[in-house]
Amino acid sequence: MTDKEFMNLALEEALRAYHENEVPIGAVLIDEGGILISREHNRIEQLHDATAHAEILTLREASRKLNKRRLSGCTLYSTVEPCAMCAGALILCRVKRLVYGAVDSKFGAAESLFNVVNNPALNHQLLVTAGVMEKECHELMKKFFDTCRKKFSRNL
């Protein structure tokens, strides 16, 4: 499968989040042979847990399934550039590659606000591919926040 096909799987997860009134971010983790290990979406509101980001939940599930903490050789696909927490988790798990869709200019930690995933002071860096299906990923986020703003303004 291609990066676009794997990003489509992450977008399916983001759509699940959208329909559950969560910020629509999805993530999937693929092993070096191209096998899907885990997939998740944001569940912050459902779980009442600020750390329940799609990327974190995907890494946790993969570690449980594989019974190991290091996910060397794996690629994580995320619909949105990971935040600093998620970028740090990718490094700690030793993920080989990050592929993401939309840039996050407010919280991004792969290139936008910070570059945690390729900080030479850290003992691990990731290969990064940005902008895969960027338009689709960005549009879903925009639609979600436009809907939130409309709901908020109606309640004033």
N, C-alpha and C. Protein backbone atom coordinates (compact mmCIF):
# COMPACT_ATOMS: atom_id res chain seq x y z
N MET A 1 0.84 -1.19 0.00
CA MET A 1 0.00 0.00 0.00
C MET A 1 0.88 1.25 0.00
N THR A 2 0.33 2.34 -0.48
CA THR A 2 1.05 3.61 -0.57
C THR A 2 0.76 4.49 0.64
N ASP A 3 1.54 5.57 0.77
CA ASP A 3 1.28 6.54 1.84
C ASP A 3 -0.15 7.05 1.77
N LYS A 4 -0.64 7.31 0.58
CA LYS A 4 -2.00 7.82 0.43
C LYS A 4 -3.03 6.80 0.93
N GLU A 5 -2.81 5.54 0.63
CA GLU A 5 -3.76 4.51 1.07
C GLU A 5 -3.75 4.37 2.60
N PHE A 6 -2.58 4.43 3.20
CA PHE A 6 -2.52 4.37 4.66
C PHE A 6 -3.12 5.63 5.28
N MET A 7 -2.90 6.79 4.64
CA MET A 7 -3.50 8.02 5.16
C MET A 7 -5.02 7.95 5.07
N ASN A 8 -5.54 7.29 4.06
CA ASN A 8 -6.99 7.09 3.98
C ASN A 8 -7.51 6.34 5.19
N LEU A 9 -6.75 5.36 5.68
CA LEU A 9 -7.15 4.64 6.89
C LEU A 9 -7.17 5.58 8.09
N ALA A 10 -6.17 6.44 8.17
CA ALA A 10 -6.13 7.43 9.26
C ALA A 10 -7.30 8.40 9.14
N LEU A 11 -7.65 8.78 7.92
CA LEU A 11 -8.81 9.66 7.71
C LEU A 11 -10.11 8.99 8.13
N GLU A 12 -10.22 7.69 7.91
CA GLU A 12 -11.41 6.96 8.38
C GLU A 12 -11.52 7.09 9.89
N GLU A 13 -10.40 6.98 10.58
CA GLU A 13 -10.40 7.15 12.04
C GLU A 13 -10.78 8.58 12.42
N ALA A 14 -10.26 9.55 11.68
CA ALA A 14 -10.59 10.96 11.96
C ALA A 14 -12.08 11.20 11.79
N LEU A 15 -12.68 10.57 10.80
CA LEU A 15 -14.13 10.69 10.60
C LEU A 15 -14.90 10.10 11.77
N ARG A 16 -14.40 9.01 12.32
CA ARG A 16 -15.03 8.43 13.52
C ARG A 16 -15.01 9.45 14.66
N ALA A 17 -13.85 10.08 14.83
CA ALA A 17 -13.73 11.10 15.87
C ALA A 17 -14.73 12.23 15.62
N TYR A 18 -14.80 12.67 14.38
CA TYR A 18 -15.73 13.75 14.01
C TYR A 18 -17.16 13.40 14.42
N HIS A 19 -17.59 12.19 14.10
CA HIS A 19 -18.96 11.76 14.40
C HIS A 19 -19.18 11.52 15.90
N GLU A 20 -18.10 11.43 16.65
CA GLU A 20 -18.19 11.29 18.11
C GLU A 20 -17.95 12.63 18.82
N ASN A 21 -17.98 13.71 18.05
CA ASN A 21 -17.75 15.07 18.57
C ASN A 21 -16.39 15.23 19.23
N GLU A 22 -15.41 14.54 18.68
CA GLU A 22 -14.02 14.70 19.10
C GLU A 22 -13.29 15.46 18.00
N VAL A 23 -12.20 16.14 18.34
CA VAL A 23 -11.39 16.79 17.32
C VAL A 23 -10.97 15.69 16.34
N PRO A 24 -11.27 15.88 15.04
CA PRO A 24 -11.11 14.78 14.08
C PRO A 24 -9.67 14.51 13.64
N ILE A 25 -8.98 13.79 14.49
CA ILE A 25 -7.63 13.35 14.17
C ILE A 25 -7.60 11.84 14.28
N GLY A 26 -7.01 11.21 13.27
CA GLY A 26 -6.88 9.76 13.26
C GLY A 26 -5.43 9.38 13.02
N ALA A 27 -5.08 8.18 13.48
CA ALA A 27 -3.71 7.70 13.31
C ALA A 27 -3.73 6.19 13.09
N VAL A 28 -2.76 5.73 12.31
CA VAL A 28 -2.54 4.29 12.12
C VAL A 28 -1.05 4.02 12.22
N LEU A 29 -0.70 2.81 12.68
CA LEU A 29 0.69 2.41 12.76
C LEU A 29 0.88 1.17 11.91
N ILE A 30 1.89 1.23 11.06
CA ILE A 30 2.19 0.18 10.10
C ILE A 30 3.58 -0.38 10.41
N ASP A 31 3.74 -1.70 10.34
CA ASP A 31 5.08 -2.25 10.56
C ASP A 31 5.91 -2.14 9.29
N GLU A 32 7.16 -2.54 9.38
CA GLU A 32 8.07 -2.36 8.23
C GLU A 32 7.69 -3.22 7.04
N GLY A 33 6.84 -4.22 7.24
CA GLY A 33 6.36 -5.04 6.14
C GLY A 33 5.06 -4.53 5.52
N GLY A 34 4.58 -3.38 6.03
CA GLY A 34 3.34 -2.80 5.49
C GLY A 34 2.08 -3.37 6.11
N ILE A 35 2.20 -4.04 7.24
CA ILE A 35 1.05 -4.63 7.93
C ILE A 35 0.51 -3.63 8.96
N LEU A 36 -0.80 -3.43 8.95
CA LEU A 36 -1.46 -2.55 9.91
C LEU A 36 -1.38 -3.18 11.30
N ILE A 37 -0.84 -2.44 12.26
CA ILE A 37 -0.74 -2.93 13.63
C ILE A 37 -1.86 -2.37 14.48
N SER A 38 -2.08 -1.05 14.39
CA SER A 38 -3.11 -0.43 15.22
C SER A 38 -3.63 0.82 14.55
N ARG A 39 -4.82 1.20 14.96
CA ARG A 39 -5.46 2.42 14.44
C ARG A 39 -6.36 2.98 15.52
N GLU A 40 -6.40 4.29 15.60
CA GLU A 40 -7.20 4.95 16.63
C GLU A 40 -7.56 6.36 16.20
N HIS A 41 -8.41 6.98 16.99
CA HIS A 41 -8.78 8.38 16.78
C HIS A 41 -8.85 9.06 18.15
N ASN A 42 -8.90 10.38 18.13
CA ASN A 42 -8.98 11.13 19.38
C ASN A 42 -10.17 10.65 20.21
N ARG A 43 -9.93 10.50 21.50
CA ARG A 43 -10.98 10.11 22.45
C ARG A 43 -10.87 10.94 23.73
N ILE A 44 -10.42 12.15 23.59
CA ILE A 44 -10.17 13.02 24.74
C ILE A 44 -11.45 13.27 25.54
N GLU A 45 -12.52 13.61 24.86
CA GLU A 45 -13.79 13.90 25.55
C GLU A 45 -14.41 12.63 26.10
N GLN A 46 -14.40 11.57 25.32
CA GLN A 46 -14.99 10.29 25.76
C GLN A 46 -14.34 9.75 27.02
N LEU A 47 -13.01 9.79 27.04
CA LEU A 47 -12.25 9.20 28.14
C LEU A 47 -11.94 10.20 29.25
N HIS A 48 -12.29 11.48 29.04
CA HIS A 48 -11.97 12.54 30.00
C HIS A 48 -10.47 12.49 30.32
N ASP A 49 -9.68 12.46 29.24
CA ASP A 49 -8.24 12.28 29.36
C ASP A 49 -7.54 13.14 28.32
N ALA A 50 -6.85 14.16 28.77
CA ALA A 50 -6.17 15.08 27.85
C ALA A 50 -5.08 14.40 27.05
N THR A 51 -4.63 13.22 27.48
CA THR A 51 -3.59 12.50 26.74
C THR A 51 -4.15 11.51 25.73
N ALA A 52 -5.44 11.43 25.58
CA ALA A 52 -6.07 10.43 24.69
C ALA A 52 -6.08 10.90 23.24
N HIS A 53 -4.91 11.32 22.77
CA HIS A 53 -4.75 11.71 21.37
C HIS A 53 -4.67 10.46 20.51
N ALA A 54 -5.05 10.59 19.26
CA ALA A 54 -5.04 9.46 18.33
C ALA A 54 -3.67 8.79 18.28
N GLU A 55 -2.63 9.58 18.21
CA GLU A 55 -1.27 9.03 18.10
C GLU A 55 -0.90 8.23 19.35
N ILE A 56 -1.18 8.77 20.52
CA ILE A 56 -0.85 8.10 21.78
C ILE A 56 -1.62 6.79 21.89
N LEU A 57 -2.92 6.82 21.61
CA LEU A 57 -3.74 5.61 21.69
C LEU A 57 -3.27 4.55 20.70
N THR A 58 -2.85 4.99 19.52
CA THR A 58 -2.34 4.07 18.51
C THR A 58 -1.04 3.42 18.98
N LEU A 59 -0.14 4.20 19.55
CA LEU A 59 1.12 3.66 20.06
C LEU A 59 0.88 2.69 21.22
N ARG A 60 -0.03 3.05 22.12
CA ARG A 60 -0.34 2.18 23.25
C ARG A 60 -0.87 0.83 22.78
N GLU A 61 -1.80 0.87 21.84
CA GLU A 61 -2.39 -0.37 21.32
C GLU A 61 -1.33 -1.22 20.63
N ALA A 62 -0.47 -0.61 19.85
CA ALA A 62 0.59 -1.34 19.16
C ALA A 62 1.54 -1.99 20.16
N SER A 63 1.91 -1.27 21.20
CA SER A 63 2.80 -1.82 22.22
C SER A 63 2.16 -3.01 22.92
N ARG A 64 0.86 -2.90 23.19
CA ARG A 64 0.14 -4.03 23.81
C ARG A 64 0.12 -5.24 22.87
N LYS A 65 -0.24 -5.00 21.61
CA LYS A 65 -0.34 -6.10 20.65
C LYS A 65 1.00 -6.80 20.43
N LEU A 66 2.06 -5.99 20.32
CA LEU A 66 3.38 -6.54 20.03
C LEU A 66 4.15 -6.94 21.28
N ASN A 67 3.59 -6.55 22.45
CA ASN A 67 4.21 -6.83 23.74
C ASN A 67 5.63 -6.27 23.83
N LYS A 68 5.79 -5.04 23.34
CA LYS A 68 7.08 -4.36 23.45
C LYS A 68 6.86 -2.86 23.38
N ARG A 69 7.78 -2.12 23.96
CA ARG A 69 7.65 -0.66 23.97
C ARG A 69 8.30 0.01 22.78
N ARG A 70 9.29 -0.64 22.21
CA ARG A 70 9.98 -0.07 21.05
C ARG A 70 9.30 -0.53 19.77
N LEU A 71 8.97 0.42 18.95
CA LEU A 71 8.27 0.14 17.70
C LEU A 71 9.18 0.47 16.52
N SER A 72 10.41 0.05 16.63
CA SER A 72 11.43 0.29 15.60
C SER A 72 10.96 -0.26 14.26
N GLY A 73 11.22 0.49 13.21
CA GLY A 73 10.85 0.06 11.87
C GLY A 73 9.43 0.42 11.49
N CYS A 74 8.63 0.92 12.43
CA CYS A 74 7.23 1.24 12.16
C CYS A 74 7.07 2.66 11.63
N THR A 75 5.95 2.86 10.94
CA THR A 75 5.56 4.17 10.43
C THR A 75 4.23 4.55 11.04
N LEU A 76 4.15 5.77 11.56
CA LEU A 76 2.88 6.29 12.07
C LEU A 76 2.33 7.29 11.07
N TYR A 77 1.07 7.10 10.71
CA TYR A 77 0.35 8.02 9.84
C TYR A 77 -0.64 8.78 10.71
N SER A 78 -0.60 10.10 10.65
CA SER A 78 -1.52 10.94 11.41
C SER A 78 -2.11 11.98 10.47
N THR A 79 -3.37 12.25 10.64
CA THR A 79 -4.04 13.21 9.75
C THR A 79 -3.57 14.64 10.00
N VAL A 80 -3.03 14.88 11.19
CA VAL A 80 -2.57 16.23 11.55
C VAL A 80 -1.18 16.10 12.18
N GLU A 81 -0.36 17.09 11.94
CA GLU A 81 0.98 17.15 12.53
C GLU A 81 0.89 16.93 14.05
N PRO A 82 1.65 16.01 14.60
CA PRO A 82 1.58 15.72 16.04
C PRO A 82 2.01 16.89 16.91
N CYS A 83 1.41 16.94 18.10
CA CYS A 83 1.77 17.93 19.11
C CYS A 83 3.07 17.49 19.78
N ALA A 84 3.57 18.29 20.71
CA ALA A 84 4.82 17.98 21.40
C ALA A 84 4.73 16.69 22.20
N MET A 85 3.59 16.44 22.85
CA MET A 85 3.42 15.21 23.62
C MET A 85 3.51 13.99 22.71
N CYS A 86 2.78 14.04 21.60
CA CYS A 86 2.77 12.90 20.67
C CYS A 86 4.11 12.73 19.98
N ALA A 87 4.75 13.83 19.63
CA ALA A 87 6.09 13.76 19.01
C ALA A 87 7.08 13.13 19.97
N GLY A 88 7.00 13.50 21.24
CA GLY A 88 7.87 12.89 22.25
C GLY A 88 7.62 11.40 22.38
N ALA A 89 6.36 11.00 22.33
CA ALA A 89 6.02 9.58 22.42
C ALA A 89 6.56 8.81 21.21
N LEU A 90 6.51 9.42 20.04
CA LEU A 90 7.05 8.78 18.84
C LEU A 90 8.55 8.52 19.00
N ILE A 91 9.24 9.46 19.60
CA ILE A 91 10.68 9.30 19.83
C ILE A 91 10.93 8.22 20.87
N LEU A 92 10.19 8.24 21.97
CA LEU A 92 10.39 7.25 23.02
C LEU A 92 10.08 5.83 22.54
N CYS A 93 9.14 5.71 21.61
CA CYS A 93 8.80 4.39 21.04
C CYS A 93 9.74 3.99 19.92
N ARG A 94 10.61 4.90 19.51
CA ARG A 94 11.58 4.64 18.44
C ARG A 94 10.92 4.36 17.09
N VAL A 95 9.79 5.04 16.85
CA VAL A 95 9.14 4.91 15.55
C VAL A 95 10.11 5.41 14.49
N LYS A 96 10.16 4.72 13.37
CA LYS A 96 11.12 5.06 12.31
C LYS A 96 10.68 6.27 11.49
N ARG A 97 9.38 6.31 11.18
CA ARG A 97 8.90 7.30 10.21
C ARG A 97 7.55 7.86 10.64
N LEU A 98 7.38 9.15 10.38
CA LEU A 98 6.11 9.84 10.61
C LEU A 98 5.63 10.38 9.28
N VAL A 99 4.36 10.11 8.97
CA VAL A 99 3.71 10.67 7.79
C VAL A 99 2.47 11.39 8.29
N TYR A 100 2.33 12.67 7.94
CA TYR A 100 1.12 13.37 8.38
C TYR A 100 0.53 14.20 7.25
N GLY A 101 -0.74 14.55 7.44
CA GLY A 101 -1.48 15.29 6.44
C GLY A 101 -1.37 16.79 6.61
N ALA A 102 -2.18 17.35 7.50
CA ALA A 102 -2.28 18.80 7.68
C ALA A 102 -1.28 19.32 8.71
N VAL A 103 -0.73 20.46 8.42
CA VAL A 103 0.15 21.18 9.33
C VAL A 103 -0.70 21.73 10.47
N ASP A 104 -0.14 21.77 11.68
CA ASP A 104 -0.81 22.36 12.83
C ASP A 104 0.02 23.53 13.33
N SER A 105 -0.36 24.72 12.89
CA SER A 105 0.44 25.92 13.20
C SER A 105 0.34 26.35 14.67
N LYS A 106 -0.61 25.79 15.42
CA LYS A 106 -0.77 26.17 16.83
C LYS A 106 -0.08 25.20 17.79
N PHE A 107 -0.03 23.91 17.42
CA PHE A 107 0.52 22.91 18.33
C PHE A 107 1.55 21.99 17.69
N GLY A 108 1.80 22.11 16.41
CA GLY A 108 2.65 21.17 15.68
C GLY A 108 4.07 21.08 16.20
N ALA A 109 4.56 19.84 16.32
CA ALA A 109 5.91 19.63 16.85
C ALA A 109 6.76 18.77 15.91
N ALA A 110 6.44 18.82 14.62
CA ALA A 110 7.27 18.14 13.63
C ALA A 110 7.90 19.15 12.68
N GLU A 111 7.33 20.34 12.62
CA GLU A 111 7.92 21.40 11.80
C GLU A 111 7.34 22.77 12.08
N SER A 112 6.09 22.87 12.45
CA SER A 112 5.41 24.16 12.53
C SER A 112 5.86 25.02 13.69
N LEU A 113 5.55 24.60 14.88
CA LEU A 113 5.87 25.37 16.07
C LEU A 113 7.22 24.93 16.66
N PHE A 114 7.41 23.61 16.71
CA PHE A 114 8.65 22.99 17.19
C PHE A 114 9.06 21.92 16.20
N ASN A 115 10.28 21.44 16.35
CA ASN A 115 10.69 20.27 15.59
C ASN A 115 11.27 19.25 16.56
N VAL A 116 10.38 18.64 17.32
CA VAL A 116 10.78 17.65 18.31
C VAL A 116 11.29 16.38 17.64
N VAL A 117 10.65 15.97 16.56
CA VAL A 117 10.96 14.67 15.94
C VAL A 117 12.33 14.62 15.27
N ASN A 118 12.93 15.77 15.03
CA ASN A 118 14.26 15.80 14.44
C ASN A 118 15.22 16.70 15.20
N ASN A 119 15.04 16.74 16.50
CA ASN A 119 15.91 17.54 17.34
C ASN A 119 17.22 16.78 17.55
N PRO A 120 18.34 17.35 17.10
CA PRO A 120 19.62 16.64 17.22
C PRO A 120 20.08 16.41 18.66
N ALA A 121 19.49 17.10 19.62
CA ALA A 121 19.84 16.90 21.02
C ALA A 121 19.25 15.60 21.58
N LEU A 122 18.28 15.04 20.87
CA LEU A 122 17.65 13.80 21.33
C LEU A 122 18.35 12.59 20.71
N ASN A 123 18.16 11.43 21.33
CA ASN A 123 18.87 10.24 20.88
C ASN A 123 18.18 9.49 19.74
N HIS A 124 17.10 10.01 19.23
CA HIS A 124 16.40 9.37 18.11
C HIS A 124 15.72 10.45 17.28
N GLN A 125 15.78 10.31 15.98
CA GLN A 125 15.08 11.20 15.07
C GLN A 125 14.24 10.35 14.12
N LEU A 126 13.20 10.96 13.56
CA LEU A 126 12.30 10.27 12.65
C LEU A 126 12.47 10.78 11.23
N LEU A 127 12.21 9.92 10.29
CA LEU A 127 12.03 10.35 8.91
C LEU A 127 10.63 10.94 8.84
N VAL A 128 10.46 12.07 8.18
CA VAL A 128 9.16 12.73 8.15
C VAL A 128 8.74 13.00 6.72
N THR A 129 7.49 12.67 6.43
CA THR A 129 6.85 13.02 5.17
C THR A 129 5.59 13.81 5.52
N ALA A 130 5.55 15.06 5.09
CA ALA A 130 4.42 15.93 5.41
C ALA A 130 3.55 16.17 4.18
N GLY A 131 2.29 16.51 4.43
CA GLY A 131 1.40 16.95 3.36
C GLY A 131 0.70 15.86 2.58
N VAL A 132 0.70 14.63 3.07
CA VAL A 132 0.00 13.55 2.38
C VAL A 132 -1.50 13.73 2.61
N MET A 133 -2.23 13.93 1.55
CA MET A 133 -3.68 14.20 1.60
C MET A 133 -3.99 15.42 2.49
N GLU A 134 -3.11 16.39 2.39
CA GLU A 134 -3.22 17.58 3.24
C GLU A 134 -4.57 18.27 3.11
N LYS A 135 -5.05 18.42 1.90
CA LYS A 135 -6.32 19.12 1.67
C LYS A 135 -7.48 18.43 2.39
N GLU A 136 -7.57 17.11 2.27
CA GLU A 136 -8.66 16.37 2.90
C GLU A 136 -8.57 16.44 4.42
N CYS A 137 -7.36 16.31 4.94
CA CYS A 137 -7.15 16.38 6.39
C CYS A 137 -7.49 17.76 6.93
N HIS A 138 -7.04 18.78 6.23
CA HIS A 138 -7.31 20.16 6.65
C HIS A 138 -8.81 20.47 6.58
N GLU A 139 -9.46 20.05 5.51
CA GLU A 139 -10.89 20.34 5.34
C GLU A 139 -11.74 19.72 6.45
N LEU A 140 -11.39 18.51 6.88
CA LEU A 140 -12.14 17.88 7.96
C LEU A 140 -11.98 18.66 9.26
N MET A 141 -10.77 19.11 9.56
CA MET A 141 -10.55 19.92 10.75
C MET A 141 -11.32 21.24 10.66
N LYS A 142 -11.27 21.88 9.50
CA LYS A 142 -11.97 23.14 9.30
C LYS A 142 -13.47 22.96 9.50
N LYS A 143 -14.02 21.91 8.92
CA LYS A 143 -15.45 21.63 9.04
C LYS A 143 -15.83 21.44 10.52
N PHE A 144 -15.03 20.72 11.25
CA PHE A 144 -15.30 20.48 12.66
C PHE A 144 -15.32 21.78 13.45
N PHE A 145 -14.30 22.61 13.28
CA PHE A 145 -14.22 23.84 14.06
C PHE A 145 -15.24 24.87 13.60
N ASP A 146 -15.59 24.89 12.32
CA ASP A 146 -16.67 25.77 11.85
C ASP A 146 -17.99 25.38 12.52
N THR A 147 -18.24 24.08 12.62
CA THR A 147 -19.46 23.60 13.28
C THR A 147 -19.45 23.97 14.75
N CYS A 148 -18.32 23.83 15.41
CA CYS A 148 -18.20 24.21 16.82
C CYS A 148 -18.48 25.69 17.03
N ARG A 149 -17.92 26.52 16.15
CA ARG A 149 -18.16 27.97 16.27
C ARG A 149 -19.64 28.32 16.07
N LYS A 150 -20.29 27.65 15.13
CA LYS A 150 -21.72 27.90 14.89
C LYS A 150 -22.54 27.50 16.11
N LYS A 151 -22.24 26.37 16.70
CA LYS A 151 -22.95 25.92 17.90
C LYS A 151 -22.74 26.90 19.04
N PHE A 152 -21.48 27.36 19.19
CA PHE A 152 -21.16 28.29 20.25
C PHE A 152 -21.91 29.61 20.08
N SER A 153 -21.92 30.13 18.85
CA SER A 153 -22.58 31.43 18.62
C SER A 153 -24.09 31.34 18.80
N ARG A 154 -24.69 30.18 18.53
CA ARG A 154 -26.13 29.99 18.75
C ARG A 154 -26.46 29.97 20.24
N ASN A 155 -25.51 29.56 21.06
CA ASN A 155 -25.75 29.45 22.50
C ASN A 155 -25.47 30.74 23.26
N LEU A 156 -25.05 31.78 22.57
CA LEU A 156 -24.76 33.06 23.24
C LEU A 156 -26.03 33.81 23.54
